[in-house]
């Protein structure tokens, strides 16, 4: 392992977890594509999951709007089952074909957030969660789990589904909770598959300083922006990720 990783990974983590602090999602969208250009991609995927879990646990103490336990239980179980299936696909099939399709889908999602969601009436968006999840909630959560197991990136399906329904505070809080359990499911699956090793843990430790710096400044910005700016920020982040993913 080259010694310069100690300088490179914290810098990548600052950007990745600034996005997490701002939107509630996103470190994998930055950390994995950029990190995989320099380091072993599989190890970067695993390290990203450990870092995402750490960040999610730090941010959970600020979650206020997520109170519906049956709703959360439904989407978490669906996501966990999807993750197991996604990890199986990762070990059985090449991911390059899927990666291009994911990049195109994320690009469309980013354009919707940046342009169309920011032009909608935000009064139609909800702040309270339903008592329990429906079939769409379960389906999108399972799809997010499959994407997480396959690419280490759970975000796009669930971001699309929740972003159409909830205001930014509820949306961000939901993603914080969802991605804690998504990271746990991925870590367990990666461990069973024998993908957690010394290298992945060194990558994780190297990213920790950048994680704290990025979260701090990302949260500061979140507290100062409105719904329209939030939508544009999410959209721009997704578009940038889609370009990285395809390239």
C-alpha atoms as a PDB file:
ATOM      1  CA  UNK A   1       0.000   0.000   0.000  1.00  0.00           C
ATOM      2  CA  UNK A   2       1.422   3.383  -0.989  1.00  0.00           C
ATOM      3  CA  UNK A   3       1.927   5.856   1.855  1.00  0.00           C
ATOM      4  CA  UNK A   4       0.259   8.747   0.011  1.00  0.00           C
ATOM      5  CA  UNK A   5      -3.163   7.188   0.661  1.00  0.00           C
ATOM      6  CA  UNK A   6      -3.021   8.858   4.092  1.00  0.00           C
ATOM      7  CA  UNK A   7      -3.253  12.237   2.362  1.00  0.00           C
ATOM      8  CA  UNK A   8      -5.541  11.350  -0.528  1.00  0.00           C
ATOM      9  CA  UNK A   9      -8.330   9.490   1.269  1.00  0.00           C
ATOM     10  CA  UNK A  10      -8.977  12.202   3.913  1.00  0.00           C
ATOM     11  CA  UNK A  11      -9.260  14.790   1.128  1.00  0.00           C
ATOM     12  CA  UNK A  12     -11.776  12.639  -0.757  1.00  0.00           C
ATOM     13  CA  UNK A  13     -13.661  12.036   2.511  1.00  0.00           C
ATOM     14  CA  UNK A  14     -13.992  15.783   3.188  1.00  0.00           C
ATOM     15  CA  UNK A  15     -15.889  16.264  -0.074  1.00  0.00           C
ATOM     16  CA  UNK A  16     -17.873  13.041   0.307  1.00  0.00           C
ATOM     17  CA  UNK A  17     -19.058  13.737   3.846  1.00  0.00           C
ATOM     18  CA  UNK A  18     -19.705  17.412   3.223  1.00  0.00           C
ATOM     19  CA  UNK A  19     -22.357  16.059   0.843  1.00  0.00           C
ATOM     20  CA  UNK A  20     -23.590  13.690   3.574  1.00  0.00           C
ATOM     21  CA  UNK A  21     -23.900  16.537   6.068  1.00  0.00           C
ATOM     22  CA  UNK A  22     -25.734  18.684   3.539  1.00  0.00           C
ATOM     23  CA  UNK A  23     -28.169  16.149   2.068  1.00  0.00           C
ATOM     24  CA  UNK A  24     -28.223  13.075   4.328  1.00  0.00           C
ATOM     25  CA  UNK A  25     -26.759  10.903   1.577  1.00  0.00           C
ATOM     26  CA  UNK A  26     -23.898  10.891  -0.840  1.00  0.00           C
ATOM     27  CA  UNK A  27     -20.518   9.837   0.563  1.00  0.00           C
ATOM     28  CA  UNK A  28     -20.495   6.703  -1.574  1.00  0.00           C
ATOM     29  CA  UNK A  29     -21.354   8.787  -4.640  1.00  0.00           C
ATOM     30  CA  UNK A  30     -18.021  10.592  -4.252  1.00  0.00           C
ATOM     31  CA  UNK A  31     -15.813   8.258  -2.225  1.00  0.00           C
ATOM     32  CA  UNK A  32     -16.277   5.144  -4.374  1.00  0.00           C
ATOM     33  CA  UNK A  33     -15.868   6.495  -7.943  1.00  0.00           C
ATOM     34  CA  UNK A  34     -12.868   8.707  -7.077  1.00  0.00           C
ATOM     35  CA  UNK A  35     -11.274   6.287  -4.626  1.00  0.00           C
ATOM     36  CA  UNK A  36     -11.603   3.383  -7.066  1.00  0.00           C
ATOM     37  CA  UNK A  37      -9.517   5.303  -9.618  1.00  0.00           C
ATOM     38  CA  UNK A  38      -6.530   5.142  -7.236  1.00  0.00           C
ATOM     39  CA  UNK A  39      -7.094   2.181  -4.907  1.00  0.00           C
ATOM     40  CA  UNK A  40      -8.563  -1.316  -5.113  1.00  0.00           C
ATOM     41  CA  UNK A  41     -12.258  -0.779  -5.990  1.00  0.00           C
ATOM     42  CA  UNK A  42     -13.601  -3.636  -3.882  1.00  0.00           C
ATOM     43  CA  UNK A  43     -11.720  -2.442  -0.783  1.00  0.00           C
ATOM     44  CA  UNK A  44     -12.944   1.115  -1.363  1.00  0.00           C
ATOM     45  CA  UNK A  45     -16.565  -0.108  -1.529  1.00  0.00           C
ATOM     46  CA  UNK A  46     -16.185  -1.895   1.812  1.00  0.00           C
ATOM     47  CA  UNK A  47     -14.369   1.039   3.471  1.00  0.00           C
ATOM     48  CA  UNK A  48     -17.093   3.400   2.241  1.00  0.00           C
ATOM     49  CA  UNK A  49     -19.685   1.321   4.083  1.00  0.00           C
ATOM     50  CA  UNK A  50     -17.768   1.533   7.373  1.00  0.00           C
ATOM     51  CA  UNK A  51     -17.372   5.298   6.983  1.00  0.00           C
ATOM     52  CA  UNK A  52     -21.042   5.745   6.068  1.00  0.00           C
ATOM     53  CA  UNK A  53     -22.082   3.832   9.174  1.00  0.00           C
ATOM     54  CA  UNK A  54     -19.825   6.011  11.354  1.00  0.00           C
ATOM     55  CA  UNK A  55     -21.238   9.213   9.876  1.00  0.00           C
ATOM     56  CA  UNK A  56     -24.824   8.000  10.160  1.00  0.00           C
ATOM     57  CA  UNK A  57     -24.444   7.172  13.844  1.00  0.00           C
ATOM     58  CA  UNK A  58     -22.945  10.617  14.494  1.00  0.00           C
ATOM     59  CA  UNK A  59     -25.820  12.346  12.665  1.00  0.00           C
ATOM     60  CA  UNK A  60     -28.605  10.218  14.173  1.00  0.00           C
ATOM     61  CA  UNK A  61     -28.614  12.229  17.414  1.00  0.00           C
ATOM     62  CA  UNK A  62     -29.969  15.211  15.445  1.00  0.00           C
ATOM     63  CA  UNK A  63     -32.810  13.279  13.801  1.00  0.00           C
ATOM     64  CA  UNK A  64     -36.165  14.701  14.926  1.00  0.00           C
ATOM     65  CA  UNK A  65     -38.834  14.019  12.303  1.00  0.00           C
ATOM     66  CA  UNK A  66     -38.570  10.231  11.944  1.00  0.00           C
ATOM     67  CA  UNK A  67     -40.936   8.675  14.483  1.00  0.00           C
ATOM     68  CA  UNK A  68     -42.926   5.959  12.671  1.00  0.00           C
ATOM     69  CA  UNK A  69     -41.356   2.652  13.738  1.00  0.00           C
ATOM     70  CA  UNK A  70     -43.567   0.381  11.533  1.00  0.00           C
ATOM     71  CA  UNK A  71     -42.715   2.477   8.454  1.00  0.00           C
ATOM     72  CA  UNK A  72     -38.995   2.335   9.199  1.00  0.00           C
ATOM     73  CA  UNK A  73     -39.117  -1.378   9.972  1.00  0.00           C
ATOM     74  CA  UNK A  74     -40.742  -2.147   6.624  1.00  0.00           C
ATOM     75  CA  UNK A  75     -38.223  -0.250   4.497  1.00  0.00           C
ATOM     76  CA  UNK A  76     -35.233  -1.496   6.510  1.00  0.00           C
ATOM     77  CA  UNK A  77     -36.233  -5.168   6.176  1.00  0.00           C
ATOM     78  CA  UNK A  78     -36.850  -4.770   2.438  1.00  0.00           C
ATOM     79  CA  UNK A  79     -33.514  -3.006   1.994  1.00  0.00           C
ATOM     80  CA  UNK A  80     -31.658  -5.698   3.969  1.00  0.00           C
ATOM     81  CA  UNK A  81     -33.068  -8.504   1.831  1.00  0.00           C
ATOM     82  CA  UNK A  82     -32.173  -6.564  -1.309  1.00  0.00           C
ATOM     83  CA  UNK A  83     -28.622  -6.018  -0.045  1.00  0.00           C
ATOM     84  CA  UNK A  84     -28.009  -9.748   0.377  1.00  0.00           C
ATOM     85  CA  UNK A  85     -29.172 -10.329  -3.196  1.00  0.00           C
ATOM     86  CA  UNK A  86     -27.014  -7.439  -4.452  1.00  0.00           C
ATOM     87  CA  UNK A  87     -23.869  -8.832  -2.780  1.00  0.00           C
ATOM     88  CA  UNK A  88     -24.609 -12.177  -4.446  1.00  0.00           C
ATOM     89  CA  UNK A  89     -24.801 -10.426  -7.826  1.00  0.00           C
ATOM     90  CA  UNK A  90     -21.497  -8.660  -7.072  1.00  0.00           C
ATOM     91  CA  UNK A  91     -19.766 -12.007  -6.568  1.00  0.00           C
ATOM     92  CA  UNK A  92     -21.445 -13.705  -9.538  1.00  0.00           C
ATOM     93  CA  UNK A  93     -21.563 -11.149 -12.377  1.00  0.00           C
ATOM     94  CA  UNK A  94     -19.399  -8.349 -13.815  1.00  0.00           C
ATOM     95  CA  UNK A  95     -20.809  -4.960 -12.837  1.00  0.00           C
ATOM     96  CA  UNK A  96     -19.709  -2.833 -15.790  1.00  0.00           C
ATOM     97  CA  UNK A  97     -22.957  -3.216 -17.742  1.00  0.00           C
ATOM     98  CA  UNK A  98     -25.022  -2.375 -14.667  1.00  0.00           C
ATOM     99  CA  UNK A  99     -22.759   0.595 -13.903  1.00  0.00           C
ATOM    100  CA  UNK A 100     -23.533   2.406 -17.169  1.00  0.00           C
ATOM    101  CA  UNK A 101     -27.275   1.914 -16.676  1.00  0.00           C
ATOM    102  CA  UNK A 102     -27.003   3.190 -13.102  1.00  0.00           C
ATOM    103  CA  UNK A 103     -25.091   6.254 -14.303  1.00  0.00           C
ATOM    104  CA  UNK A 104     -27.803   7.131 -16.818  1.00  0.00           C
ATOM    105  CA  UNK A 105     -30.534   6.659 -14.215  1.00  0.00           C
ATOM    106  CA  UNK A 106     -28.699   8.865 -11.698  1.00  0.00           C
ATOM    107  CA  UNK A 107     -28.207  11.573 -14.335  1.00  0.00           C
ATOM    108  CA  UNK A 108     -31.962  11.680 -14.966  1.00  0.00           C
ATOM    109  CA  UNK A 109     -32.589  11.758 -11.215  1.00  0.00           C
ATOM    110  CA  UNK A 110     -30.145  14.636 -10.784  1.00  0.00           C
ATOM    111  CA  UNK A 111     -31.799  16.669 -13.530  1.00  0.00           C
ATOM    112  CA  UNK A 112     -35.197  16.115 -11.917  1.00  0.00           C
ATOM    113  CA  UNK A 113     -33.955  17.345  -8.531  1.00  0.00           C
ATOM    114  CA  UNK A 114     -32.055  20.322  -9.939  1.00  0.00           C
ATOM    115  CA  UNK A 115     -34.739  21.524 -12.368  1.00  0.00           C
ATOM    116  CA  UNK A 116     -38.194  20.059 -11.839  1.00  0.00           C
ATOM    117  CA  UNK A 117     -38.387  19.432  -8.080  1.00  0.00           C
ATOM    118  CA  UNK A 118     -37.057  22.918  -7.392  1.00  0.00           C
ATOM    119  CA  UNK A 119     -39.921  24.334  -9.502  1.00  0.00           C
ATOM    120  CA  UNK A 120     -42.729  22.398  -7.837  1.00  0.00           C
ATOM    121  CA  UNK A 121     -44.959  23.669  -5.057  1.00  0.00           C
ATOM    122  CA  UNK A 122     -43.154  22.616  -1.889  1.00  0.00           C
ATOM    123  CA  UNK A 123     -46.440  22.959  -0.027  1.00  0.00           C
ATOM    124  CA  UNK A 124     -47.410  19.587  -1.518  1.00  0.00           C
ATOM    125  CA  UNK A 125     -44.505  17.840   0.165  1.00  0.00           C
ATOM    126  CA  UNK A 126     -45.164  16.065   3.472  1.00  0.00           C
ATOM    127  CA  UNK A 127     -43.429  16.459   6.816  1.00  0.00           C
ATOM    128  CA  UNK A 128     -44.976  13.505   8.676  1.00  0.00           C
ATOM    129  CA  UNK A 129     -44.429   9.831   7.894  1.00  0.00           C
ATOM    130  CA  UNK A 130     -47.331   7.413   7.361  1.00  0.00           C
ATOM    131  CA  UNK A 131     -48.057   4.834  10.033  1.00  0.00           C
ATOM    132  CA  UNK A 132     -46.763   2.006   7.851  1.00  0.00           C
ATOM    133  CA  UNK A 133     -45.060   1.572   4.478  1.00  0.00           C
ATOM    134  CA  UNK A 134     -46.847   0.578   1.266  1.00  0.00           C
ATOM    135  CA  UNK A 135     -45.785  -1.591  -1.684  1.00  0.00           C
ATOM    136  CA  UNK A 136     -43.885   1.229  -3.367  1.00  0.00           C
ATOM    137  CA  UNK A 137     -41.925   1.951  -0.182  1.00  0.00           C
ATOM    138  CA  UNK A 138     -40.969  -1.738   0.048  1.00  0.00           C
ATOM    139  CA  UNK A 139     -40.135  -2.037  -3.653  1.00  0.00           C
ATOM    140  CA  UNK A 140     -37.892   1.023  -3.792  1.00  0.00           C
ATOM    141  CA  UNK A 141     -36.186   0.021  -0.529  1.00  0.00           C
ATOM    142  CA  UNK A 142     -35.438  -3.468  -1.871  1.00  0.00           C
ATOM    143  CA  UNK A 143     -34.107  -1.956  -5.106  1.00  0.00           C
ATOM    144  CA  UNK A 144     -31.906   0.378  -3.064  1.00  0.00           C
ATOM    145  CA  UNK A 145     -30.558  -2.620  -1.155  1.00  0.00           C
ATOM    146  CA  UNK A 146     -29.705  -4.456  -4.376  1.00  0.00           C
ATOM    147  CA  UNK A 147     -27.902  -1.364  -5.665  1.00  0.00           C
ATOM    148  CA  UNK A 148     -26.020  -1.070  -2.374  1.00  0.00           C
ATOM    149  CA  UNK A 149     -24.881  -4.684  -2.414  1.00  0.00           C
ATOM    150  CA  UNK A 150     -23.852  -4.515  -6.054  1.00  0.00           C
ATOM    151  CA  UNK A 151     -22.161  -1.097  -6.177  1.00  0.00           C
ATOM    152  CA  UNK A 152     -21.882  -0.006  -2.526  1.00  0.00           C
ATOM    153  CA  UNK A 153     -24.316   2.772  -3.516  1.00  0.00           C
ATOM    154  CA  UNK A 154     -27.864   2.470  -2.136  1.00  0.00           C
ATOM    155  CA  UNK A 155     -28.960   6.030  -2.726  1.00  0.00           C
ATOM    156  CA  UNK A 156     -30.533   6.595  -6.154  1.00  0.00           C
ATOM    157  CA  UNK A 157     -33.721   4.473  -5.882  1.00  0.00           C
ATOM    158  CA  UNK A 158     -34.661   5.593  -2.385  1.00  0.00           C
ATOM    159  CA  UNK A 159     -33.653   9.229  -3.021  1.00  0.00           C
ATOM    160  CA  UNK A 160     -36.047   9.350  -5.991  1.00  0.00           C
ATOM    161  CA  UNK A 161     -38.876   7.746  -4.024  1.00  0.00           C
ATOM    162  CA  UNK A 162     -38.566   9.852  -0.871  1.00  0.00           C
ATOM    163  CA  UNK A 163     -37.615  13.065  -2.667  1.00  0.00           C
ATOM    164  CA  UNK A 164     -40.984  13.157  -4.425  1.00  0.00           C
ATOM    165  CA  UNK A 165     -42.898  12.982  -1.138  1.00  0.00           C
ATOM    166  CA  UNK A 166     -41.148  14.724   1.755  1.00  0.00           C
ATOM    167  CA  UNK A 167     -39.800  18.151   2.660  1.00  0.00           C
ATOM    168  CA  UNK A 168     -36.060  18.518   3.045  1.00  0.00           C
ATOM    169  CA  UNK A 169     -35.816  18.030   6.836  1.00  0.00           C
ATOM    170  CA  UNK A 170     -37.907  14.852   6.838  1.00  0.00           C
ATOM    171  CA  UNK A 171     -36.210  13.653   3.649  1.00  0.00           C
ATOM    172  CA  UNK A 172     -32.736  14.148   5.147  1.00  0.00           C
ATOM    173  CA  UNK A 173     -33.688  12.559   8.480  1.00  0.00           C
ATOM    174  CA  UNK A 174     -35.156   9.529   6.701  1.00  0.00           C
ATOM    175  CA  UNK A 175     -32.024   9.071   4.634  1.00  0.00           C
ATOM    176  CA  UNK A 176     -29.793   9.306   7.711  1.00  0.00           C
ATOM    177  CA  UNK A 177     -31.692   6.490   9.436  1.00  0.00           C
ATOM    178  CA  UNK A 178     -32.104   4.424   6.259  1.00  0.00           C
ATOM    179  CA  UNK A 179     -28.411   4.546   5.399  1.00  0.00           C
ATOM    180  CA  UNK A 180     -27.324   3.514   8.905  1.00  0.00           C
ATOM    181  CA  UNK A 181     -29.181   0.242   8.430  1.00  0.00           C
ATOM    182  CA  UNK A 182     -28.090   0.003   4.781  1.00  0.00           C
ATOM    183  CA  UNK A 183     -24.457   0.290   5.883  1.00  0.00           C
ATOM    184  CA  UNK A 184     -24.960  -2.352   8.589  1.00  0.00           C
ATOM    185  CA  UNK A 185     -26.533  -4.727   6.061  1.00  0.00           C
ATOM    186  CA  UNK A 186     -23.671  -4.174   3.605  1.00  0.00           C
ATOM    187  CA  UNK A 187     -20.980  -4.646   6.255  1.00  0.00           C
ATOM    188  CA  UNK A 188     -22.531  -7.908   7.445  1.00  0.00           C
ATOM    189  CA  UNK A 189     -22.856  -9.159   3.864  1.00  0.00           C
ATOM    190  CA  UNK A 190     -19.296  -8.114   2.980  1.00  0.00           C
ATOM    191  CA  UNK A 191     -17.989  -9.826   6.132  1.00  0.00           C
ATOM    192  CA  UNK A 192     -19.767 -13.086   5.307  1.00  0.00           C
ATOM    193  CA  UNK A 193     -18.371 -12.856   1.763  1.00  0.00           C
ATOM    194  CA  UNK A 194     -14.834 -12.493   3.171  1.00  0.00           C
ATOM    195  CA  UNK A 195     -14.340  -8.971   1.792  1.00  0.00           C
ATOM    196  CA  UNK A 196     -13.374  -7.255   5.092  1.00  0.00           C
ATOM    197  CA  UNK A 197      -9.597  -7.304   5.578  1.00  0.00           C
ATOM    198  CA  UNK A 198      -6.648  -5.245   6.807  1.00  0.00           C
ATOM    199  CA  UNK A 199      -6.597  -3.073   3.683  1.00  0.00           C
ATOM    200  CA  UNK A 200     -10.266  -2.108   3.970  1.00  0.00           C
ATOM    201  CA  UNK A 201      -9.834  -1.156   7.616  1.00  0.00           C
ATOM    202  CA  UNK A 202      -6.769   0.976   6.833  1.00  0.00           C
ATOM    203  CA  UNK A 203      -8.760   2.812   4.160  1.00  0.00           C
ATOM    204  CA  UNK A 204     -11.509   3.350   6.721  1.00  0.00           C
ATOM    205  CA  UNK A 205      -9.171   4.769   9.368  1.00  0.00           C
ATOM    206  CA  UNK A 206      -7.534   7.047   6.792  1.00  0.00           C
ATOM    207  CA  UNK A 207     -10.903   8.542   5.870  1.00  0.00           C
ATOM    208  CA  UNK A 208     -12.042   9.327   9.430  1.00  0.00           C
ATOM    209  CA  UNK A 209     -10.467  12.827   9.754  1.00  0.00           C
ATOM    210  CA  UNK A 210     -12.030  13.946   6.477  1.00  0.00           C
ATOM    211  CA  UNK A 211     -15.364  12.495   7.596  1.00  0.00           C
ATOM    212  CA  UNK A 212     -15.526  14.755  10.675  1.00  0.00           C
ATOM    213  CA  UNK A 213     -14.490  17.876   8.760  1.00  0.00           C
ATOM    214  CA  UNK A 214     -16.931  17.242   5.907  1.00  0.00           C
ATOM    215  CA  UNK A 215     -19.879  16.489   8.214  1.00  0.00           C
ATOM    216  CA  UNK A 216     -19.296  19.643  10.236  1.00  0.00           C
ATOM    217  CA  UNK A 217     -19.314  22.027   7.292  1.00  0.00           C
ATOM    218  CA  UNK A 218     -22.052  20.167   5.383  1.00  0.00           C
ATOM    219  CA  UNK A 219     -24.407  20.409   8.355  1.00  0.00           C
ATOM    220  CA  UNK A 220     -23.636  24.119   8.758  1.00  0.00           C
ATOM    221  CA  UNK A 221     -24.665  24.764   5.140  1.00  0.00           C
ATOM    222  CA  UNK A 222     -27.836  22.637   5.460  1.00  0.00           C
ATOM    223  CA  UNK A 223     -29.072  24.768   8.340  1.00  0.00           C
ATOM    224  CA  UNK A 224     -28.790  27.932   6.208  1.00  0.00           C
ATOM    225  CA  UNK A 225     -30.477  26.950   2.914  1.00  0.00           C
ATOM    226  CA  UNK A 226     -34.118  26.746   1.823  1.00  0.00           C
ATOM    227  CA  UNK A 227     -36.046  23.984   0.037  1.00  0.00           C
ATOM    228  CA  UNK A 228     -35.287  25.237  -3.501  1.00  0.00           C
ATOM    229  CA  UNK A 229     -31.554  25.526  -2.851  1.00  0.00           C
ATOM    230  CA  UNK A 230     -31.594  22.103  -1.211  1.00  0.00           C
ATOM    231  CA  UNK A 231     -33.154  20.556  -4.333  1.00  0.00           C
ATOM    232  CA  UNK A 232     -30.581  22.179  -6.583  1.00  0.00           C
ATOM    233  CA  UNK A 233     -27.720  21.022  -4.348  1.00  0.00           C
ATOM    234  CA  UNK A 234     -29.000  17.435  -4.412  1.00  0.00           C
ATOM    235  CA  UNK A 235     -29.449  17.580  -8.177  1.00  0.00           C
ATOM    236  CA  UNK A 236     -25.972  18.949  -8.868  1.00  0.00           C
ATOM    237  CA  UNK A 237     -24.417  16.294  -6.622  1.00  0.00           C
ATOM    238  CA  UNK A 238     -26.270  13.520  -8.451  1.00  0.00           C
ATOM    239  CA  UNK A 239     -25.358  14.859 -11.902  1.00  0.00           C
ATOM    240  CA  UNK A 240     -21.683  15.055 -10.917  1.00  0.00           C
ATOM    241  CA  UNK A 241     -21.815  11.507  -9.628  1.00  0.00           C
ATOM    242  CA  UNK A 242     -23.491  10.211 -12.784  1.00  0.00           C
ATOM    243  CA  UNK A 243     -20.701  11.698 -14.889  1.00  0.00           C
ATOM    244  CA  UNK A 244     -18.038  10.147 -12.645  1.00  0.00           C
ATOM    245  CA  UNK A 245     -19.779   6.789 -12.742  1.00  0.00           C
ATOM    246  CA  UNK A 246     -20.084   6.619 -16.523  1.00  0.00           C
ATOM    247  CA  UNK A 247     -16.568   7.932 -17.185  1.00  0.00           C
END
